[in-house]
């Protein structure tokens, strides 16, 4: 049996230290060790995006990352998205647009959308659809999800001055 390792990472703004097996996934550690159960295990092979979290600014399927690889990383999960008891504009938009039903894919979609909107604050519908290709939903269909991300982008742009579209 391989020796457990201590890993230190920043999770939702807090430095966390956890003990894990070398073959244990980040998803397993988030859910079973740190009790952050927002990321879901949908497929266990990186195809569905239900386990998406943001690592160092990029949306990553946490079922495909070994926890030991997270050493020194900045990890954001759905639990850390909104401060306090409020909701993030993405969470509000998903609710207002009925972009969720069973909820299995929702945290992954929201975290993937967060990473995308952080990089592209004023996207086109086509850019949203392309960026969300790694996330699957079996219930709602994709139009409501795209509308929710569009709405969140508009709200976020209203709160920021950095949303000008570049013209070529």
N, C-alpha and C. Protein backbone atom coordinates (compact mmCIF):
# COMPACT_ATOMS: atom_id res chain seq x y z
N UNK A 1 0.84 -1.18 0.00
CA UNK A 1 0.00 0.00 0.00
C UNK A 1 0.89 1.25 0.00
N UNK A 2 0.58 2.18 -0.86
CA UNK A 2 1.36 3.40 -0.98
C UNK A 2 1.17 4.28 0.26
N UNK A 3 2.20 5.03 0.53
CA UNK A 3 2.20 5.89 1.70
C UNK A 3 1.34 7.13 1.45
N UNK A 4 0.53 7.49 2.44
CA UNK A 4 -0.29 8.69 2.34
C UNK A 4 0.60 9.93 2.31
N UNK A 5 0.07 10.97 1.65
CA UNK A 5 0.82 12.22 1.54
C UNK A 5 0.01 13.37 2.10
N UNK A 6 0.72 14.35 2.63
CA UNK A 6 0.08 15.58 3.09
C UNK A 6 0.13 16.58 1.95
N UNK A 7 -1.01 17.16 1.63
CA UNK A 7 -1.12 18.14 0.56
C UNK A 7 -1.67 19.43 1.16
N UNK A 8 -1.09 20.54 0.75
CA UNK A 8 -1.58 21.85 1.17
C UNK A 8 -2.04 22.61 -0.06
N UNK A 9 -3.26 23.11 -0.01
CA UNK A 9 -3.83 23.88 -1.11
C UNK A 9 -4.76 24.94 -0.53
N UNK A 10 -5.03 25.96 -1.31
CA UNK A 10 -6.01 26.96 -0.91
C UNK A 10 -7.35 26.55 -1.50
N UNK A 11 -8.32 26.32 -0.64
CA UNK A 11 -9.64 25.88 -1.08
C UNK A 11 -10.65 26.93 -0.63
N UNK A 12 -11.30 27.54 -1.59
CA UNK A 12 -12.29 28.60 -1.32
C UNK A 12 -11.72 29.69 -0.41
N UNK A 13 -10.47 30.06 -0.69
CA UNK A 13 -9.84 31.16 0.03
C UNK A 13 -9.18 30.79 1.35
N UNK A 14 -9.30 29.54 1.76
CA UNK A 14 -8.70 29.09 3.03
C UNK A 14 -7.61 28.07 2.75
N UNK A 15 -6.51 28.21 3.45
CA UNK A 15 -5.46 27.20 3.30
C UNK A 15 -5.93 25.92 3.98
N UNK A 16 -5.87 24.83 3.25
CA UNK A 16 -6.29 23.52 3.77
C UNK A 16 -5.12 22.55 3.64
N UNK A 17 -4.98 21.72 4.64
CA UNK A 17 -3.99 20.66 4.61
C UNK A 17 -4.74 19.35 4.78
N UNK A 18 -4.49 18.40 3.88
CA UNK A 18 -5.21 17.13 3.97
C UNK A 18 -4.27 15.97 3.67
N UNK A 19 -4.62 14.83 4.21
CA UNK A 19 -3.87 13.60 4.03
C UNK A 19 -4.60 12.77 2.98
N UNK A 20 -3.86 12.28 1.98
CA UNK A 20 -4.53 11.50 0.93
C UNK A 20 -3.62 10.40 0.40
N UNK A 21 -4.25 9.40 -0.18
CA UNK A 21 -3.53 8.35 -0.88
C UNK A 21 -3.01 8.91 -2.20
N UNK A 22 -1.89 8.43 -2.71
CA UNK A 22 -1.36 8.93 -3.97
C UNK A 22 -2.32 8.76 -5.16
N UNK A 23 -3.21 7.77 -5.11
CA UNK A 23 -4.13 7.52 -6.23
C UNK A 23 -5.53 8.09 -5.99
N UNK A 24 -5.70 8.81 -4.92
CA UNK A 24 -7.01 9.39 -4.58
C UNK A 24 -7.25 10.63 -5.42
N UNK A 25 -8.47 10.76 -5.97
CA UNK A 25 -8.77 11.92 -6.80
C UNK A 25 -9.09 13.15 -5.95
N UNK A 26 -8.94 14.29 -6.58
CA UNK A 26 -9.31 15.54 -5.90
C UNK A 26 -10.79 15.52 -5.54
N UNK A 27 -11.62 14.98 -6.42
CA UNK A 27 -13.06 14.89 -6.13
C UNK A 27 -13.30 14.11 -4.84
N UNK A 28 -12.63 12.98 -4.67
CA UNK A 28 -12.79 12.18 -3.45
C UNK A 28 -12.39 12.98 -2.21
N UNK A 29 -11.29 13.70 -2.30
CA UNK A 29 -10.83 14.48 -1.15
C UNK A 29 -11.79 15.62 -0.86
N UNK A 30 -12.23 16.33 -1.90
CA UNK A 30 -13.17 17.43 -1.68
C UNK A 30 -14.42 16.92 -0.97
N UNK A 31 -14.98 15.82 -1.46
CA UNK A 31 -16.24 15.32 -0.92
C UNK A 31 -16.07 14.60 0.42
N UNK A 32 -15.09 13.72 0.52
CA UNK A 32 -15.00 12.82 1.67
C UNK A 32 -14.09 13.31 2.79
N UNK A 33 -13.12 14.14 2.47
CA UNK A 33 -12.20 14.64 3.49
C UNK A 33 -12.55 16.06 3.92
N UNK A 34 -12.81 16.92 2.93
CA UNK A 34 -13.10 18.33 3.24
C UNK A 34 -14.60 18.60 3.35
N UNK A 35 -15.43 17.60 3.12
CA UNK A 35 -16.89 17.71 3.22
C UNK A 35 -17.47 18.80 2.33
N UNK A 36 -16.88 18.99 1.16
CA UNK A 36 -17.39 19.91 0.15
C UNK A 36 -18.06 19.05 -0.92
N UNK A 37 -19.36 18.87 -0.78
CA UNK A 37 -20.07 17.89 -1.61
C UNK A 37 -20.77 18.49 -2.82
N UNK A 38 -20.49 19.74 -3.14
CA UNK A 38 -21.11 20.36 -4.31
C UNK A 38 -20.70 19.71 -5.61
N UNK A 39 -19.42 19.45 -5.78
CA UNK A 39 -18.95 18.75 -6.99
C UNK A 39 -19.48 17.33 -6.94
N UNK A 40 -20.06 16.88 -8.04
CA UNK A 40 -20.71 15.56 -8.07
C UNK A 40 -19.91 14.57 -8.90
N UNK A 41 -20.00 13.30 -8.54
CA UNK A 41 -19.40 12.25 -9.36
C UNK A 41 -20.46 11.75 -10.33
N UNK A 42 -20.32 12.15 -11.58
CA UNK A 42 -21.29 11.75 -12.58
C UNK A 42 -20.83 10.57 -13.40
N UNK A 43 -19.60 10.62 -13.90
CA UNK A 43 -19.13 9.58 -14.81
C UNK A 43 -17.81 8.95 -14.38
N UNK A 44 -17.04 9.62 -13.57
CA UNK A 44 -15.73 9.16 -13.09
C UNK A 44 -14.67 9.05 -14.18
N UNK A 45 -14.95 9.60 -15.37
CA UNK A 45 -13.94 9.53 -16.42
C UNK A 45 -13.76 10.84 -17.19
N UNK A 46 -14.24 11.94 -16.64
CA UNK A 46 -13.99 13.24 -17.23
C UNK A 46 -14.87 13.63 -18.39
N UNK A 47 -15.96 12.92 -18.61
CA UNK A 47 -16.81 13.21 -19.77
C UNK A 47 -18.01 14.10 -19.48
N UNK A 48 -18.45 14.19 -18.22
CA UNK A 48 -19.73 14.87 -17.97
C UNK A 48 -19.60 16.26 -17.37
N UNK A 49 -18.53 16.56 -16.67
CA UNK A 49 -18.33 17.88 -16.09
C UNK A 49 -19.05 18.13 -14.78
N UNK A 50 -19.76 17.13 -14.24
CA UNK A 50 -20.49 17.33 -12.98
C UNK A 50 -19.55 17.62 -11.82
N UNK A 51 -18.30 17.23 -11.95
CA UNK A 51 -17.32 17.43 -10.88
C UNK A 51 -16.44 18.66 -11.10
N UNK A 52 -16.82 19.53 -12.04
CA UNK A 52 -15.98 20.69 -12.37
C UNK A 52 -15.77 21.60 -11.17
N UNK A 53 -14.52 21.96 -10.97
CA UNK A 53 -14.12 22.97 -10.01
C UNK A 53 -13.15 23.90 -10.74
N UNK A 54 -12.82 25.02 -10.14
CA UNK A 54 -11.87 25.94 -10.76
C UNK A 54 -10.54 25.79 -10.02
N UNK A 55 -9.51 25.42 -10.77
CA UNK A 55 -8.17 25.28 -10.21
C UNK A 55 -7.27 26.28 -10.92
N UNK A 56 -6.73 27.20 -10.13
CA UNK A 56 -5.85 28.24 -10.67
C UNK A 56 -6.47 28.94 -11.88
N UNK A 57 -7.78 29.22 -11.77
CA UNK A 57 -8.48 29.99 -12.79
C UNK A 57 -9.04 29.19 -13.95
N UNK A 58 -8.82 27.89 -13.99
CA UNK A 58 -9.31 27.06 -15.10
C UNK A 58 -10.31 26.03 -14.60
N UNK A 59 -11.38 25.81 -15.37
CA UNK A 59 -12.34 24.77 -15.03
C UNK A 59 -11.70 23.41 -15.29
N UNK A 60 -11.73 22.56 -14.27
CA UNK A 60 -11.08 21.25 -14.33
C UNK A 60 -12.05 20.20 -13.79
N UNK A 61 -12.07 19.03 -14.43
CA UNK A 61 -12.85 17.91 -13.91
C UNK A 61 -12.07 17.29 -12.74
N UNK A 62 -12.58 17.46 -11.54
CA UNK A 62 -11.85 17.03 -10.36
C UNK A 62 -11.74 15.51 -10.24
N UNK A 63 -12.54 14.77 -11.01
CA UNK A 63 -12.42 13.31 -11.00
C UNK A 63 -11.19 12.85 -11.78
N UNK A 64 -10.59 13.76 -12.55
CA UNK A 64 -9.43 13.42 -13.38
C UNK A 64 -8.12 13.95 -12.82
N UNK A 65 -8.17 14.58 -11.65
CA UNK A 65 -6.97 15.15 -11.03
C UNK A 65 -6.67 14.38 -9.76
N UNK A 66 -5.45 13.93 -9.62
CA UNK A 66 -5.06 13.31 -8.37
C UNK A 66 -4.93 14.40 -7.31
N UNK A 67 -5.37 14.11 -6.12
CA UNK A 67 -5.32 15.10 -5.05
C UNK A 67 -3.90 15.58 -4.79
N UNK A 68 -2.92 14.69 -4.93
CA UNK A 68 -1.53 15.10 -4.70
C UNK A 68 -1.07 16.14 -5.73
N UNK A 69 -1.72 16.18 -6.89
CA UNK A 69 -1.38 17.18 -7.91
C UNK A 69 -1.88 18.57 -7.55
N UNK A 70 -2.71 18.66 -6.54
CA UNK A 70 -3.28 19.95 -6.12
C UNK A 70 -2.36 20.70 -5.16
N UNK A 71 -1.21 20.16 -4.87
CA UNK A 71 -0.27 20.82 -3.96
C UNK A 71 -0.02 22.26 -4.41
N UNK A 72 -0.31 23.21 -3.52
CA UNK A 72 -0.07 24.62 -3.79
C UNK A 72 -1.10 25.29 -4.68
N UNK A 73 -2.11 24.57 -5.11
CA UNK A 73 -3.10 25.12 -6.04
C UNK A 73 -4.14 25.98 -5.32
N UNK A 74 -4.77 26.84 -6.09
CA UNK A 74 -5.92 27.62 -5.62
C UNK A 74 -7.16 26.95 -6.20
N UNK A 75 -7.98 26.36 -5.35
CA UNK A 75 -9.15 25.59 -5.77
C UNK A 75 -10.41 26.32 -5.34
N UNK A 76 -11.34 26.48 -6.28
CA UNK A 76 -12.63 27.09 -5.97
C UNK A 76 -13.72 26.07 -6.26
N UNK A 77 -14.62 25.90 -5.30
CA UNK A 77 -15.76 25.00 -5.47
C UNK A 77 -17.05 25.82 -5.37
N UNK A 78 -18.15 25.20 -5.68
CA UNK A 78 -19.45 25.89 -5.63
C UNK A 78 -19.72 26.44 -4.23
N UNK A 79 -19.22 25.76 -3.19
CA UNK A 79 -19.46 26.22 -1.82
C UNK A 79 -18.81 27.57 -1.54
N UNK A 80 -17.76 27.91 -2.26
CA UNK A 80 -17.06 29.16 -2.02
C UNK A 80 -17.40 30.26 -3.01
N UNK A 81 -18.37 30.01 -3.88
CA UNK A 81 -18.66 30.96 -4.96
C UNK A 81 -19.23 32.27 -4.44
N UNK A 82 -20.19 32.21 -3.55
CA UNK A 82 -20.85 33.42 -3.06
C UNK A 82 -20.49 33.64 -1.59
N UNK A 83 -20.11 34.85 -1.25
CA UNK A 83 -19.80 35.12 0.15
C UNK A 83 -21.07 35.15 1.00
N UNK A 84 -20.95 34.69 2.22
CA UNK A 84 -22.09 34.76 3.14
C UNK A 84 -23.27 33.92 2.69
N UNK A 85 -24.47 34.44 2.96
CA UNK A 85 -25.69 33.71 2.64
C UNK A 85 -26.26 34.05 1.28
N UNK A 86 -25.65 34.98 0.57
CA UNK A 86 -26.18 35.41 -0.73
C UNK A 86 -25.86 34.42 -1.84
N UNK A 87 -26.31 34.77 -3.02
CA UNK A 87 -26.03 33.97 -4.21
C UNK A 87 -25.17 34.77 -5.17
N UNK A 88 -24.33 34.08 -5.89
CA UNK A 88 -23.55 34.67 -6.97
C UNK A 88 -24.50 34.93 -8.15
N UNK A 89 -24.20 35.91 -9.01
CA UNK A 89 -25.05 36.14 -10.18
C UNK A 89 -25.27 34.89 -11.03
N UNK A 90 -24.30 34.01 -11.11
CA UNK A 90 -24.50 32.76 -11.85
C UNK A 90 -25.57 31.89 -11.19
N UNK A 91 -25.50 31.77 -9.87
CA UNK A 91 -26.49 30.97 -9.16
C UNK A 91 -27.88 31.57 -9.32
N UNK A 92 -27.98 32.89 -9.18
CA UNK A 92 -29.27 33.56 -9.36
C UNK A 92 -29.82 33.35 -10.76
N UNK A 93 -28.95 33.47 -11.76
CA UNK A 93 -29.39 33.31 -13.15
C UNK A 93 -29.86 31.89 -13.43
N UNK A 94 -29.19 30.89 -12.86
CA UNK A 94 -29.63 29.51 -13.06
C UNK A 94 -31.02 29.31 -12.45
N UNK A 95 -31.26 29.89 -11.29
CA UNK A 95 -32.59 29.78 -10.67
C UNK A 95 -33.65 30.51 -11.50
N UNK A 96 -33.35 31.76 -11.88
CA UNK A 96 -34.33 32.58 -12.61
C UNK A 96 -34.66 32.03 -13.99
N UNK A 97 -33.74 31.32 -14.61
CA UNK A 97 -33.95 30.77 -15.94
C UNK A 97 -34.35 29.30 -15.93
N UNK A 98 -34.62 28.75 -14.75
CA UNK A 98 -34.97 27.34 -14.61
C UNK A 98 -33.95 26.45 -15.32
N UNK A 99 -32.68 26.78 -15.12
CA UNK A 99 -31.60 26.07 -15.80
C UNK A 99 -31.11 24.87 -14.99
N UNK A 100 -31.97 24.34 -14.15
CA UNK A 100 -31.62 23.16 -13.38
C UNK A 100 -32.88 22.36 -13.09
N UNK A 101 -32.70 21.08 -12.97
CA UNK A 101 -33.80 20.23 -12.56
C UNK A 101 -33.32 19.28 -11.48
N UNK A 102 -32.64 18.20 -11.85
CA UNK A 102 -32.20 17.26 -10.81
C UNK A 102 -31.04 17.81 -10.00
N UNK A 103 -30.24 18.70 -10.57
CA UNK A 103 -29.17 19.36 -9.85
C UNK A 103 -27.81 18.68 -9.89
N UNK A 104 -27.72 17.51 -10.48
CA UNK A 104 -26.43 16.81 -10.52
C UNK A 104 -25.39 17.62 -11.29
N UNK A 105 -25.77 18.17 -12.43
CA UNK A 105 -24.80 18.89 -13.27
C UNK A 105 -24.62 20.34 -12.87
N UNK A 106 -25.53 20.89 -12.10
CA UNK A 106 -25.57 22.33 -11.86
C UNK A 106 -24.29 22.90 -11.25
N UNK A 107 -23.74 22.34 -10.17
CA UNK A 107 -22.51 22.93 -9.63
C UNK A 107 -21.36 22.92 -10.64
N UNK A 108 -21.25 21.86 -11.41
CA UNK A 108 -20.20 21.78 -12.42
C UNK A 108 -20.39 22.82 -13.51
N UNK A 109 -21.63 22.98 -13.97
CA UNK A 109 -21.92 24.01 -14.97
C UNK A 109 -21.59 25.40 -14.43
N UNK A 110 -22.00 25.67 -13.22
CA UNK A 110 -21.78 27.00 -12.65
C UNK A 110 -20.30 27.29 -12.50
N UNK A 111 -19.53 26.31 -12.05
CA UNK A 111 -18.09 26.54 -11.88
C UNK A 111 -17.39 26.66 -13.23
N UNK A 112 -17.80 25.86 -14.21
CA UNK A 112 -17.22 25.99 -15.56
C UNK A 112 -17.57 27.35 -16.15
N UNK A 113 -18.81 27.80 -15.92
CA UNK A 113 -19.23 29.12 -16.42
C UNK A 113 -18.48 30.23 -15.72
N UNK A 114 -18.22 30.07 -14.43
CA UNK A 114 -17.46 31.09 -13.69
C UNK A 114 -16.07 31.26 -14.30
N UNK A 115 -15.37 30.15 -14.52
CA UNK A 115 -14.03 30.22 -15.10
C UNK A 115 -14.09 30.84 -16.49
N UNK A 116 -15.10 30.46 -17.27
CA UNK A 116 -15.25 31.00 -18.62
C UNK A 116 -15.51 32.50 -18.59
N UNK A 117 -16.45 32.94 -17.75
CA UNK A 117 -16.79 34.37 -17.69
C UNK A 117 -15.66 35.21 -17.09
N UNK A 118 -14.85 34.61 -16.24
CA UNK A 118 -13.69 35.33 -15.73
C UNK A 118 -12.71 35.65 -16.86
N UNK A 119 -12.62 34.74 -17.84
CA UNK A 119 -11.74 34.94 -19.00
C UNK A 119 -12.41 35.73 -20.12
N UNK A 120 -13.71 35.56 -20.27
CA UNK A 120 -14.46 36.17 -21.37
C UNK A 120 -15.74 36.78 -20.80
N UNK A 121 -15.66 37.99 -20.24
CA UNK A 121 -16.79 38.56 -19.51
C UNK A 121 -18.00 38.94 -20.36
N UNK A 122 -17.84 39.06 -21.66
CA UNK A 122 -18.94 39.49 -22.52
C UNK A 122 -19.05 38.56 -23.74
N UNK A 123 -19.40 37.29 -23.51
CA UNK A 123 -19.36 36.30 -24.60
C UNK A 123 -20.59 36.34 -25.49
N UNK A 124 -20.42 35.80 -26.68
CA UNK A 124 -21.55 35.57 -27.57
C UNK A 124 -22.21 34.25 -27.18
N UNK A 125 -23.41 34.02 -27.69
CA UNK A 125 -24.08 32.74 -27.43
C UNK A 125 -23.24 31.58 -27.95
N UNK A 126 -22.66 31.75 -29.11
CA UNK A 126 -21.82 30.69 -29.69
C UNK A 126 -20.62 30.38 -28.80
N UNK A 127 -20.00 31.41 -28.25
CA UNK A 127 -18.86 31.21 -27.35
C UNK A 127 -19.28 30.48 -26.08
N UNK A 128 -20.45 30.81 -25.57
CA UNK A 128 -20.96 30.12 -24.38
C UNK A 128 -21.18 28.65 -24.69
N UNK A 129 -21.88 28.37 -25.78
CA UNK A 129 -22.15 26.97 -26.15
C UNK A 129 -20.85 26.18 -26.33
N UNK A 130 -19.88 26.77 -26.99
CA UNK A 130 -18.60 26.10 -27.21
C UNK A 130 -17.90 25.84 -25.88
N UNK A 131 -17.89 26.83 -25.00
CA UNK A 131 -17.16 26.69 -23.73
C UNK A 131 -17.80 25.67 -22.80
N UNK A 132 -19.08 25.44 -22.94
CA UNK A 132 -19.79 24.51 -22.06
C UNK A 132 -19.87 23.10 -22.64
N UNK A 133 -19.17 22.85 -23.74
CA UNK A 133 -19.24 21.55 -24.41
C UNK A 133 -18.76 20.40 -23.53
N UNK A 134 -17.95 20.68 -22.53
CA UNK A 134 -17.46 19.63 -21.64
C UNK A 134 -18.39 19.31 -20.49
N UNK A 135 -19.54 19.95 -20.44
CA UNK A 135 -20.52 19.70 -19.38
C UNK A 135 -21.80 19.17 -20.00
N UNK A 136 -22.34 18.13 -19.40
CA UNK A 136 -23.54 17.49 -19.92
C UNK A 136 -24.70 17.62 -18.94
N UNK A 137 -25.91 17.75 -19.49
CA UNK A 137 -27.13 17.80 -18.69
C UNK A 137 -28.12 16.82 -19.30
N UNK A 138 -28.74 16.00 -18.47
CA UNK A 138 -29.70 15.03 -18.96
C UNK A 138 -31.14 15.50 -18.79
N UNK A 139 -31.36 16.63 -18.12
CA UNK A 139 -32.72 17.03 -17.77
C UNK A 139 -33.24 18.26 -18.49
N UNK A 140 -32.52 19.37 -18.42
CA UNK A 140 -33.11 20.65 -18.80
C UNK A 140 -33.00 20.99 -20.26
N UNK A 141 -32.10 20.38 -20.97
CA UNK A 141 -31.79 20.90 -22.30
C UNK A 141 -30.83 22.05 -22.10
N UNK A 142 -30.24 22.50 -23.14
CA UNK A 142 -29.13 23.43 -23.00
C UNK A 142 -29.51 24.89 -23.17
N UNK A 143 -30.65 25.19 -23.76
CA UNK A 143 -31.02 26.59 -24.00
C UNK A 143 -31.15 27.37 -22.70
N UNK A 144 -31.77 26.78 -21.69
CA UNK A 144 -31.94 27.48 -20.42
C UNK A 144 -30.60 27.73 -19.74
N UNK A 145 -29.69 26.80 -19.88
CA UNK A 145 -28.36 26.96 -19.29
C UNK A 145 -27.62 28.09 -20.00
N UNK A 146 -27.70 28.12 -21.32
CA UNK A 146 -27.05 29.19 -22.09
C UNK A 146 -27.65 30.53 -21.73
N UNK A 147 -28.98 30.60 -21.63
CA UNK A 147 -29.64 31.86 -21.24
C UNK A 147 -29.19 32.31 -19.85
N UNK A 148 -29.05 31.37 -18.94
CA UNK A 148 -28.61 31.71 -17.58
C UNK A 148 -27.20 32.28 -17.60
N UNK A 149 -26.32 31.69 -18.37
CA UNK A 149 -24.95 32.19 -18.44
C UNK A 149 -24.92 33.56 -19.11
N UNK A 150 -25.74 33.76 -20.14
CA UNK A 150 -25.84 35.08 -20.78
C UNK A 150 -26.31 36.13 -19.77
N UNK A 151 -27.33 35.79 -18.99
CA UNK A 151 -27.85 36.72 -17.99
C UNK A 151 -26.79 37.04 -16.94
N UNK A 152 -26.10 36.02 -16.47
CA UNK A 152 -25.06 36.25 -15.47
C UNK A 152 -23.94 37.13 -16.03
N UNK A 153 -23.60 36.93 -17.29
CA UNK A 153 -22.58 37.77 -17.92
C UNK A 153 -23.03 39.23 -17.94
N UNK A 154 -24.29 39.46 -18.28
CA UNK A 154 -24.82 40.82 -18.30
C UNK A 154 -24.79 41.45 -16.91
N UNK A 155 -25.18 40.69 -15.90
CA UNK A 155 -25.18 41.20 -14.53
C UNK A 155 -23.75 41.50 -14.09
N UNK A 156 -22.85 40.56 -14.35
CA UNK A 156 -21.45 40.77 -13.97
C UNK A 156 -20.86 41.97 -14.70
N UNK A 157 -21.22 42.15 -15.97
CA UNK A 157 -20.72 43.31 -16.72
C UNK A 157 -21.26 44.60 -16.14
N UNK A 158 -22.49 44.57 -15.65
CA UNK A 158 -23.06 45.75 -15.00
C UNK A 158 -22.33 46.12 -13.73
N UNK A 159 -21.64 45.14 -13.14
CA UNK A 159 -20.89 45.37 -11.91
C UNK A 159 -19.41 45.65 -12.17
N UNK A 160 -19.01 45.65 -13.46
CA UNK A 160 -17.60 45.81 -13.82
C UNK A 160 -17.46 46.70 -15.05
N UNK A 161 -16.36 47.38 -15.14
CA UNK A 161 -16.10 48.25 -16.29
C UNK A 161 -15.30 47.54 -17.38
N UNK A 162 -14.99 46.26 -17.20
CA UNK A 162 -14.10 45.56 -18.13
C UNK A 162 -14.85 44.64 -19.10
N UNK A 163 -16.01 45.06 -19.57
CA UNK A 163 -16.82 44.19 -20.41
C UNK A 163 -16.96 44.67 -21.85
N UNK A 164 -16.12 45.54 -22.28
CA UNK A 164 -16.20 46.02 -23.66
C UNK A 164 -15.77 44.91 -24.60
N UNK A 165 -16.57 44.69 -25.65
CA UNK A 165 -16.21 43.74 -26.70
C UNK A 165 -15.16 44.39 -27.58
N UNK A 166 -14.12 43.64 -27.92
CA UNK A 166 -13.11 44.16 -28.83
C UNK A 166 -13.67 44.15 -30.24
N UNK A 167 -13.44 45.21 -30.98
CA UNK A 167 -13.86 45.25 -32.38
C UNK A 167 -12.62 45.19 -33.25
N UNK A 168 -12.72 44.41 -34.29
CA UNK A 168 -11.58 44.22 -35.18
C UNK A 168 -11.82 44.93 -36.48
